[in-house]
Amino acid sequence: MSKSATIRARVEPDLKAEVEGIFKTLGITATEAITLFYNMVKLKKGIPFDIKIPNEETQKVIQDSRKGINVTTHSNLDDYFKKIKTEMNA
């Protein structure tokens, strides 16, 4: 079947660049990714993944983390594991 239909969508430039970098790593084009998505929608007869509204607790955690509340950062993975190990032994 000939590909002749066109899809136009506007997305944020940073999102587009990041996602197209992922597609490049996967070895596919944006067109191939969109075609894959459309085929999965057709196969599943709907969106091929769960779309859920987070509960109140999850929404609060998301809002807090965006504000930097109760967020712990580590300079690297080794520091993170050391902290966990220390907390487990306490």
Protein backbone atom coordinates (compact mmCIF):
# COMPACT_ATOMS: atom_id res chain seq x y z
CA MET A 1 0.00 0.00 0.00
CA SER A 2 1.30 3.41 -0.95
CA LYS A 3 2.03 5.92 1.78
CA SER A 4 0.30 9.09 0.69
CA ALA A 5 -1.55 10.48 3.74
CA THR A 6 0.13 13.25 5.69
CA ILE A 7 -0.02 13.90 9.43
CA ARG A 8 0.92 17.33 10.79
CA ALA A 9 1.38 17.97 14.48
CA ARG A 10 2.98 20.72 16.53
CA VAL A 11 5.20 19.75 19.46
CA GLU A 12 7.69 21.58 21.62
CA PRO A 13 11.08 21.81 19.87
CA ASP A 14 12.98 20.36 22.87
CA LEU A 15 10.61 17.38 23.06
CA LYS A 16 10.95 16.78 19.32
CA ALA A 17 14.75 16.88 19.45
CA GLU A 18 14.97 14.55 22.46
CA VAL A 19 12.51 12.02 21.06
CA GLU A 20 14.10 12.03 17.61
CA GLY A 21 17.43 11.31 19.31
CA ILE A 22 15.84 8.27 20.92
CA PHE A 23 14.41 7.20 17.57
CA LYS A 24 17.87 7.52 16.03
CA THR A 25 19.31 5.29 18.77
CA LEU A 26 16.55 2.77 18.04
CA GLY A 27 17.31 2.99 14.32
CA ILE A 28 13.89 4.27 13.28
CA THR A 29 12.58 7.49 11.79
CA ALA A 30 9.80 9.64 13.21
CA THR A 31 7.59 8.43 10.34
CA GLU A 32 8.29 4.80 11.26
CA ALA A 33 7.55 5.52 14.95
CA ILE A 34 4.25 7.21 14.08
CA THR A 35 3.32 4.33 11.77
CA LEU A 36 4.16 1.89 14.57
CA PHE A 37 1.97 3.84 16.98
CA TYR A 38 -0.93 3.91 14.50
CA ASN A 39 -0.60 0.17 13.87
CA MET A 40 -0.66 -0.51 17.62
CA VAL A 41 -3.77 1.66 18.04
CA LYS A 42 -5.39 -0.32 15.23
CA LEU A 43 -4.35 -3.65 16.78
CA LYS A 44 -5.46 -2.74 20.31
CA LYS A 45 -8.52 -0.80 19.17
CA GLY A 46 -7.39 2.08 21.41
CA ILE A 47 -4.35 3.73 22.92
CA PRO A 48 -1.74 0.95 23.32
CA PHE A 49 -0.78 1.91 26.87
CA ASP A 50 -2.60 2.86 30.06
CA ILE A 51 -3.51 6.50 30.51
CA LYS A 52 -4.47 7.19 34.08
CA ILE A 53 -5.08 10.23 36.24
CA PRO A 54 -2.86 9.91 39.33
CA ASN A 55 -4.58 9.69 42.71
CA GLU A 56 -4.40 12.63 45.14
CA GLU A 57 -1.33 11.31 46.97
CA THR A 58 0.60 10.79 43.76
CA GLN A 59 -0.42 14.23 42.47
CA LYS A 60 0.86 15.82 45.70
CA VAL A 61 4.19 13.98 45.43
CA ILE A 62 4.56 15.11 41.82
CA GLN A 63 3.78 18.74 42.75
CA ASP A 64 6.17 18.63 45.73
CA SER A 65 8.99 17.12 43.69
CA ARG A 66 8.59 19.79 41.01
CA LYS A 67 9.03 22.37 43.79
CA GLY A 68 12.05 20.51 45.21
CA ILE A 69 10.20 19.46 48.37
CA ASN A 70 11.38 16.14 49.85
CA VAL A 71 13.79 15.63 46.96
CA THR A 72 17.16 14.04 47.59
CA THR A 73 19.91 14.34 45.01
CA HIS A 74 23.17 12.45 44.69
CA SER A 75 26.22 13.21 42.63
CA ASN A 76 26.42 9.64 41.37
CA LEU A 77 24.91 6.18 41.76
CA ASP A 78 27.61 4.99 44.19
CA ASP A 79 26.75 7.79 46.63
CA TYR A 80 23.08 6.84 46.38
CA PHE A 81 23.78 3.19 47.20
CA LYS A 82 26.07 4.17 50.10
CA LYS A 83 23.25 6.28 51.55
CA ILE A 84 20.75 3.44 51.23
CA LYS A 85 23.17 0.98 52.82
CA THR A 86 23.81 3.38 55.71
CA GLU A 87 20.07 3.89 56.24
CA MET A 88 19.43 0.14 56.20
CA ASN A 89 22.09 -0.43 58.86
CA ALA A 90 20.80 2.37 61.10
